Amino acid sequence: MYPYTTSGQFPGGLAQDYLEPLATLSHLAHATTHARLGISVLVIPYRNPLLQAKMLATIDVLSKGRVILGAGVGWLREEFEALGAPPFEERGRVTDEYIKLMRAAWTTDPVSYEGKHYSVRDVHVLPKPVERGGIPVWIGGHTGAAVRRAGTIGDGWHPIAMRPPAMLGPEEYGAKVKELHEWARRAGRDPKSITLTIRVPMEVRARSAKPATGERPPFQGAADEIVADIRRYQAVGVSHFVFDHTVQELRAVLANIERFASDVRPKLSRSTLDRRASAGGARASKPASKKKTAKRRARSRSRTRARSSTRRRRHSRSSCSRPASCATGAAAARSRSRRRSSCR
């Protein structure tokens, strides 16, 4: 039974293409330079804990410290059986233990750990993640057990909202945060050190679109409505929002992202964006001065002129009889060059 639909059926069925998450994350580490990279969420009991700690640390080093681990206990008994994972009924305790072991692997050397489900002694697991204290672990789930886990061993709480039975409106979310903070205090932790996040379907409707009839789902509507929804959750402590698309067609997904970037993001205050970046471990940059901005633009124009001059010289020597194709090839080459230089 899938826990996030009223029917209990997985959206679209289970016979779909799904890329292995850690392999995909490694590819994204190479393809990007600034974005934080994460999994929402990795089912922790499915993999050997020492091996997945090593794989995640490797990706973190390759990405220069940009990995966030979303951690879940799993929900599909048949997958546990197919993978030969620990018993389905033990998945919560196994997850707690594996997270503690992975933390030890990220912060100590040699690594020793004694548990009910896994033990290891004097093993070297190197290199360590870039961030001191290891990779941030955001605990997925909305249940009482997930809230306890986030409060006692998590660096963040990462529930799905607006999907039955986990609606998690602002008031419900705020009540769960109080529970989480109580668990943190009992464990001797600072409740404010735990990052509060939420994952929801989001759609910014085009300005020309007619308003939907009936009750508007949160995070789906006009830009001003999305901004108001974000602020309601910020009021109960949420600093990170992970948005799911509401459609499958790629052009529509990209158009929605563009509308968010152009119509929603500018309406969020600079201080709001700074707090969000700081909470995720990424340093919020100060706005550049006019003088520095002018210098950057001048350098950019200089580089552009140099590239244009180089292209003209190369093209004059070329025997290609199809200039349009040559120009396309040059653009692709420049794109590849930029990608290579950004990864050095």
Protein backbone atom coordinates (compact mmCIF):
# COMPACT_ATOMS: atom_id res chain seq x y z
CA MET A 1 0.00 0.00 0.00
CA TYR A 2 1.50 3.32 -1.08
CA PRO A 3 1.00 5.71 1.88
CA TYR A 4 0.54 8.94 -0.09
CA THR A 5 -2.54 8.25 -2.22
CA THR A 6 -6.11 7.63 -1.12
CA SER A 7 -6.24 4.53 -3.33
CA GLY A 8 -3.02 3.06 -1.94
CA GLN A 9 -1.74 2.67 -5.53
CA PHE A 10 1.60 4.09 -6.65
CA PRO A 11 1.07 6.94 -9.18
CA GLY A 12 1.53 5.58 -12.69
CA GLY A 13 2.15 2.05 -11.42
CA LEU A 14 5.40 0.41 -10.36
CA ALA A 15 6.55 -0.68 -13.84
CA GLN A 16 8.33 2.61 -14.64
CA ASP A 17 11.90 3.69 -15.36
CA TYR A 18 13.68 4.84 -12.20
CA LEU A 19 17.37 5.75 -12.23
CA GLU A 20 19.44 4.48 -9.31
CA PRO A 21 19.68 7.52 -7.00
CA LEU A 22 23.34 7.43 -5.95
CA ALA A 23 24.58 6.90 -9.51
CA THR A 24 22.34 9.75 -10.66
CA LEU A 25 23.61 12.00 -7.87
CA SER A 26 27.19 11.38 -8.98
CA HIS A 27 26.28 12.48 -12.51
CA LEU A 28 24.59 15.63 -11.17
CA ALA A 29 27.68 16.43 -9.12
CA HIS A 30 29.59 16.69 -12.40
CA ALA A 31 26.83 18.50 -14.30
CA THR A 32 26.35 21.28 -11.72
CA THR A 33 28.56 23.62 -9.72
CA HIS A 34 26.44 25.45 -7.12
CA ALA A 35 23.13 23.65 -6.48
CA ARG A 36 22.80 21.51 -3.37
CA LEU A 37 22.31 17.84 -4.29
CA GLY A 38 19.99 15.49 -2.47
CA ILE A 39 17.73 12.45 -2.53
CA SER A 40 14.13 12.72 -1.38
CA VAL A 41 14.41 10.14 0.08
CA LEU A 42 16.90 7.24 0.11
CA VAL A 43 15.49 4.08 1.72
CA ILE A 44 18.27 3.47 4.22
CA PRO A 45 17.80 -0.29 4.95
CA TYR A 46 18.17 -1.25 1.27
CA ARG A 47 21.97 -0.82 1.11
CA ASN A 48 24.97 -1.91 3.13
CA PRO A 49 25.44 1.06 5.51
CA LEU A 50 29.23 1.19 5.26
CA LEU A 51 29.14 1.05 1.47
CA GLN A 52 26.44 3.72 1.13
CA ALA A 53 28.34 5.94 3.60
CA LYS A 54 31.42 5.57 1.38
CA MET A 55 29.46 6.28 -1.82
CA LEU A 56 27.79 9.37 -0.37
CA ALA A 57 31.11 10.70 0.98
CA THR A 58 32.67 10.20 -2.46
CA ILE A 59 29.88 12.18 -4.15
CA ASP A 60 30.18 14.89 -1.49
CA VAL A 61 33.93 15.25 -2.15
CA LEU A 62 33.41 15.31 -5.93
CA SER A 63 30.70 17.98 -5.55
CA LYS A 64 32.78 20.01 -3.07
CA GLY A 65 30.42 19.49 -0.14
CA ARG A 66 26.98 19.91 -1.72
CA VAL A 67 25.24 16.66 -0.71
CA ILE A 68 22.18 16.44 1.56
CA LEU A 69 20.86 12.98 2.43
CA GLY A 70 17.10 12.57 2.67
CA ALA A 71 16.62 9.40 4.71
CA GLY A 72 13.54 7.17 4.81
CA VAL A 73 12.61 3.80 6.29
CA GLY A 74 10.72 2.44 3.26
CA TRP A 75 7.14 1.30 2.80
CA LEU A 76 7.05 -1.60 0.30
CA ARG A 77 7.49 -5.01 1.94
CA GLU A 78 8.05 -6.72 -1.43
CA GLU A 79 11.11 -4.55 -2.14
CA PHE A 80 12.68 -5.52 1.19
CA GLU A 81 12.17 -9.18 0.31
CA ALA A 82 13.51 -8.79 -3.25
CA LEU A 83 16.69 -7.07 -2.01
CA GLY A 84 17.33 -9.42 0.90
CA ALA A 85 17.19 -6.38 3.21
CA PRO A 86 16.65 -6.67 6.97
CA PRO A 87 13.11 -7.64 8.02
CA PHE A 88 10.42 -5.16 7.02
CA GLU A 89 9.13 -5.01 10.61
CA GLU A 90 12.58 -3.89 11.81
CA ARG A 91 13.03 -1.12 9.25
CA GLY A 92 12.70 1.75 11.74
CA ARG A 93 15.30 0.40 14.15
CA VAL A 94 17.58 -0.58 11.26
CA THR A 95 17.37 2.94 9.84
CA ASP A 96 18.28 4.51 13.19
CA GLU A 97 21.26 2.19 13.53
CA TYR A 98 22.50 2.62 9.96
CA ILE A 99 22.35 6.43 10.22
CA LYS A 100 24.44 6.32 13.41
CA LEU A 101 26.95 4.03 11.70
CA MET A 102 27.16 6.28 8.63
CA ARG A 103 27.77 9.29 10.86
CA ALA A 104 30.61 7.39 12.54
CA ALA A 105 32.03 6.56 9.11
CA TRP A 106 31.93 10.25 8.13
CA THR A 107 33.50 11.63 11.30
CA THR A 108 35.92 9.06 12.79
CA ASP A 109 38.89 7.02 11.59
CA PRO A 110 39.33 4.16 11.98
CA VAL A 111 35.63 3.38 12.24
CA SER A 112 34.24 1.08 14.92
CA TYR A 113 30.56 0.45 15.60
CA GLU A 114 28.68 -2.22 17.55
CA GLY A 115 24.96 -2.63 16.91
CA LYS A 116 22.22 -5.24 16.72
CA HIS A 117 22.03 -5.20 12.91
CA TYR A 118 25.60 -4.24 11.95
CA SER A 119 29.01 -4.21 13.60
CA VAL A 120 32.41 -3.15 12.31
CA ARG A 121 35.79 -2.63 13.96
CA ASP A 122 38.84 -0.55 12.99
CA VAL A 123 37.95 0.03 9.35
CA HIS A 124 39.25 3.01 7.35
CA VAL A 125 36.54 4.83 5.36
CA LEU A 126 38.26 7.67 3.50
CA PRO A 127 37.98 10.37 2.29
CA LYS A 128 35.57 12.04 4.69
CA PRO A 129 32.79 14.39 3.51
CA VAL A 130 33.74 18.03 3.05
CA GLU A 131 31.39 19.40 5.71
CA ARG A 132 32.53 18.96 9.30
CA GLY A 133 30.18 16.66 11.14
CA GLY A 134 29.37 14.75 7.96
CA ILE A 135 26.63 14.98 5.37
CA PRO A 136 23.38 16.58 6.65
CA VAL A 137 20.66 13.96 7.14
CA TRP A 138 17.05 15.08 6.61
CA ILE A 139 14.57 12.56 7.99
CA GLY A 140 11.62 11.86 5.70
CA GLY A 141 8.12 10.95 6.82
CA HIS A 142 5.21 12.50 8.69
CA THR A 143 4.42 9.86 11.32
CA GLY A 144 5.17 10.11 15.03
CA ALA A 145 8.13 7.77 14.58
CA ALA A 146 9.56 9.99 11.83
CA VAL A 147 9.15 13.12 13.99
CA ARG A 148 10.92 11.36 16.88
CA ARG A 149 13.72 10.25 14.56
CA ALA A 150 14.18 13.78 13.20
CA GLY A 151 14.30 15.22 16.71
CA THR A 152 16.74 12.68 18.12
CA ILE A 153 19.19 11.90 15.29
CA GLY A 154 18.28 14.05 12.25
CA ASP A 155 19.82 17.26 10.98
CA GLY A 156 16.49 18.13 9.39
CA TRP A 157 12.87 17.05 8.98
CA HIS A 158 11.70 16.46 5.41
CA PRO A 159 8.04 15.38 5.16
CA ILE A 160 5.81 15.23 2.09
CA ALA A 161 2.72 17.44 2.39
CA MET A 162 -0.53 17.96 0.51
CA ARG A 163 -0.86 14.25 -0.23
CA PRO A 164 -3.37 12.25 1.80
CA PRO A 165 -2.99 11.26 4.57
CA ALA A 166 -0.08 13.69 5.06
CA MET A 167 -1.76 17.01 4.34
CA LEU A 168 0.38 18.90 6.89
CA GLY A 169 -1.23 22.31 6.61
CA PRO A 170 0.62 25.10 8.44
CA GLU A 171 -1.16 24.50 11.76
CA GLU A 172 -0.61 20.73 11.65
CA TYR A 173 2.99 21.22 10.58
CA GLY A 174 3.54 23.67 13.46
CA ALA A 175 2.11 21.18 15.96
CA LYS A 176 4.48 18.47 14.67
CA VAL A 177 7.39 20.90 15.02
CA LYS A 178 6.57 21.30 18.71
CA GLU A 179 6.72 17.51 19.09
CA LEU A 180 10.02 17.39 17.21
CA HIS A 181 11.51 20.11 19.44
CA GLU A 182 10.43 18.21 22.56
CA TRP A 183 12.15 15.05 21.30
CA ALA A 184 15.29 17.10 20.58
CA ARG A 185 15.32 18.57 24.11
CA ARG A 186 14.93 15.10 25.61
CA ALA A 187 17.93 13.97 23.58
CA GLY A 188 19.96 16.94 24.83
CA ARG A 189 19.96 18.66 21.45
CA ASP A 190 19.30 22.25 20.43
CA PRO A 191 15.89 22.16 18.68
CA LYS A 192 16.79 25.18 16.55
CA SER A 193 19.73 23.28 15.03
CA ILE A 194 17.29 21.02 13.14
CA THR A 195 16.40 22.27 9.66
CA LEU A 196 12.68 22.32 8.87
CA THR A 197 11.74 21.51 5.28
CA ILE A 198 8.69 20.50 3.27
CA ARG A 199 8.08 18.82 -0.07
CA VAL A 200 4.90 19.73 -1.94
CA PRO A 201 3.45 19.76 -5.47
CA MET A 202 3.77 23.30 -6.87
CA GLU A 203 2.28 25.01 -9.90
CA VAL A 204 2.48 28.71 -10.70
CA ARG A 205 -0.43 29.37 -13.01
CA ALA A 206 0.22 31.56 -16.03
CA ARG A 207 -1.13 35.10 -15.77
CA SER A 208 -3.45 34.41 -18.69
CA ALA A 209 -4.86 31.24 -17.10
CA LYS A 210 -8.40 31.32 -15.76
CA PRO A 211 -8.70 30.84 -11.97
CA ALA A 212 -9.51 27.25 -11.05
CA THR A 213 -12.99 26.54 -9.71
CA GLY A 214 -13.45 25.11 -6.23
CA GLU A 215 -10.98 25.20 -3.36
CA ARG A 216 -7.43 26.06 -4.37
CA PRO A 217 -4.78 23.51 -3.32
CA PRO A 218 -1.91 25.20 -1.46
CA PHE A 219 1.13 25.99 -3.63
CA GLN A 220 -1.01 25.87 -6.77
CA GLY A 221 -2.30 29.16 -8.10
CA ALA A 222 -1.22 32.66 -9.06
CA ALA A 223 2.24 33.92 -8.11
CA ASP A 224 0.96 36.04 -5.21
CA GLU A 225 -0.90 33.02 -3.82
CA ILE A 226 2.26 30.88 -3.95
CA VAL A 227 4.19 33.63 -2.15
CA ALA A 228 1.52 33.73 0.57
CA ASP A 229 1.67 29.93 0.95
CA ILE A 230 5.45 30.02 1.34
CA ARG A 231 5.22 32.73 3.99
CA ARG A 232 2.64 30.78 5.99
CA TYR A 233 5.08 27.88 6.30
CA GLN A 234 8.00 30.17 6.99
CA ALA A 235 6.01 31.48 9.95
CA VAL A 236 6.17 28.00 11.56
CA GLY A 237 9.89 27.63 10.85
CA VAL A 238 10.23 26.10 7.37
CA SER A 239 13.43 27.22 5.66
CA HIS A 240 13.60 24.84 2.66
CA PHE A 241 10.93 23.99 0.10
CA VAL A 242 11.26 21.07 -2.33
CA PHE A 243 8.70 21.32 -5.11
CA ASP A 244 7.24 18.47 -7.16
CA HIS A 245 5.78 19.15 -10.58
CA THR A 246 2.08 18.58 -11.12
CA VAL A 247 2.36 17.47 -14.76
CA GLN A 248 4.54 14.99 -16.68
CA GLU A 249 5.20 16.89 -19.91
CA LEU A 250 8.74 18.33 -19.90
CA ARG A 251 7.93 21.66 -21.55
CA ALA A 252 5.19 22.31 -19.01
CA VAL A 253 7.55 21.44 -16.15
CA LEU A 254 10.22 23.85 -17.42
CA ALA A 255 7.64 26.58 -18.02
CA ASN A 256 6.45 26.21 -14.43
CA ILE A 257 10.02 26.54 -13.15
CA GLU A 258 10.48 29.67 -15.26
CA ARG A 259 7.28 31.21 -13.87
CA PHE A 260 8.44 30.51 -10.33
CA ALA A 261 11.82 32.12 -11.03
CA SER A 262 10.36 35.21 -12.67
CA ASP A 263 7.04 35.73 -10.83
CA VAL A 264 7.48 34.23 -7.35
CA ARG A 265 11.11 34.37 -6.29
CA PRO A 266 11.55 38.14 -6.77
CA LYS A 267 8.61 38.73 -4.39
CA LEU A 268 10.36 36.92 -1.55
CA SER A 269 12.49 39.27 0.52
CA ARG A 270 16.26 39.18 0.33
CA SER A 271 16.42 38.36 4.05
CA THR A 272 14.12 35.39 3.47
CA LEU A 273 16.38 33.99 0.76
CA ASP A 274 19.49 34.57 2.89
CA ARG A 275 17.96 32.65 5.82
CA ARG A 276 17.04 29.78 3.52
CA ALA A 277 20.56 29.54 2.09
CA SER A 278 22.22 29.76 5.50
CA ALA A 279 19.99 27.08 7.00
CA GLY A 280 20.97 24.64 4.25
CA GLY A 281 24.68 25.08 4.91
CA ALA A 282 25.27 27.18 1.79
CA ARG A 283 26.69 30.58 2.51
CA ALA A 284 24.38 33.43 1.49
CA SER A 285 26.35 35.89 -0.61
CA LYS A 286 26.16 39.61 -0.06
CA PRO A 287 24.75 41.74 -2.88
CA ALA A 288 27.60 42.90 -5.10
CA SER A 289 28.48 46.59 -5.12
CA LYS A 290 27.84 48.64 -8.26
CA LYS A 291 31.58 49.00 -8.81
CA LYS A 292 32.20 45.23 -8.62
CA THR A 293 29.21 44.54 -10.87
CA ALA A 294 30.54 47.00 -13.47
CA LYS A 295 33.97 45.35 -13.39
CA ARG A 296 32.43 41.91 -13.87
CA ARG A 297 30.40 43.14 -16.84
CA ALA A 298 33.51 44.72 -18.38
CA ARG A 299 35.47 41.46 -18.00
CA SER A 300 32.54 39.52 -19.47
CA ARG A 301 32.41 41.85 -22.52
CA SER A 302 36.17 41.48 -22.94
CA ARG A 303 35.95 37.70 -22.88
CA THR A 304 33.03 37.77 -25.34
CA ARG A 305 35.03 39.93 -27.79
CA ALA A 306 38.01 37.58 -27.46
CA ARG A 307 35.85 34.53 -28.17
CA SER A 308 34.21 36.23 -31.15
CA SER A 309 37.62 37.13 -32.60
CA THR A 310 38.83 33.55 -32.13
CA ARG A 311 35.74 32.16 -33.81
CA ARG A 312 36.19 34.47 -36.80
CA ARG A 313 39.83 33.36 -37.24
CA ARG A 314 38.87 29.69 -36.94
CA HIS A 315 36.00 30.03 -39.36
CA SER A 316 38.11 31.81 -41.96
CA ARG A 317 40.48 28.81 -41.98
CA SER A 318 37.65 26.26 -42.12
CA SER A 319 36.80 24.48 -45.39
CA CYS A 320 33.29 23.73 -44.19
CA SER A 321 30.71 24.51 -46.85
CA ARG A 322 27.85 24.86 -44.33
CA PRO A 323 28.51 27.88 -42.10
CA ALA A 324 25.28 27.37 -40.11
CA SER A 325 26.37 23.87 -39.10
CA CYS A 326 29.83 25.14 -38.20
CA ALA A 327 28.29 27.79 -35.94
CA THR A 328 26.17 25.18 -34.20
CA GLY A 329 29.21 22.98 -33.68
CA ALA A 330 31.18 25.89 -32.25
CA ALA A 331 28.38 26.65 -29.79
CA ALA A 332 28.35 23.02 -28.65
CA ALA A 333 32.13 23.06 -28.29
CA ARG A 334 31.97 26.24 -26.22
CA SER A 335 29.32 24.64 -24.03
CA ARG A 336 31.50 21.58 -23.47
CA SER A 337 34.50 23.80 -22.75
CA ARG A 338 32.54 25.76 -20.15
CA ARG A 339 31.39 22.56 -18.48
CA ARG A 340 34.94 21.24 -18.31
CA SER A 341 36.34 24.47 -16.92
CA SER A 342 33.63 24.69 -14.26
CA CYS A 343 34.59 21.26 -12.86
CA ARG A 344 38.30 21.95 -12.45
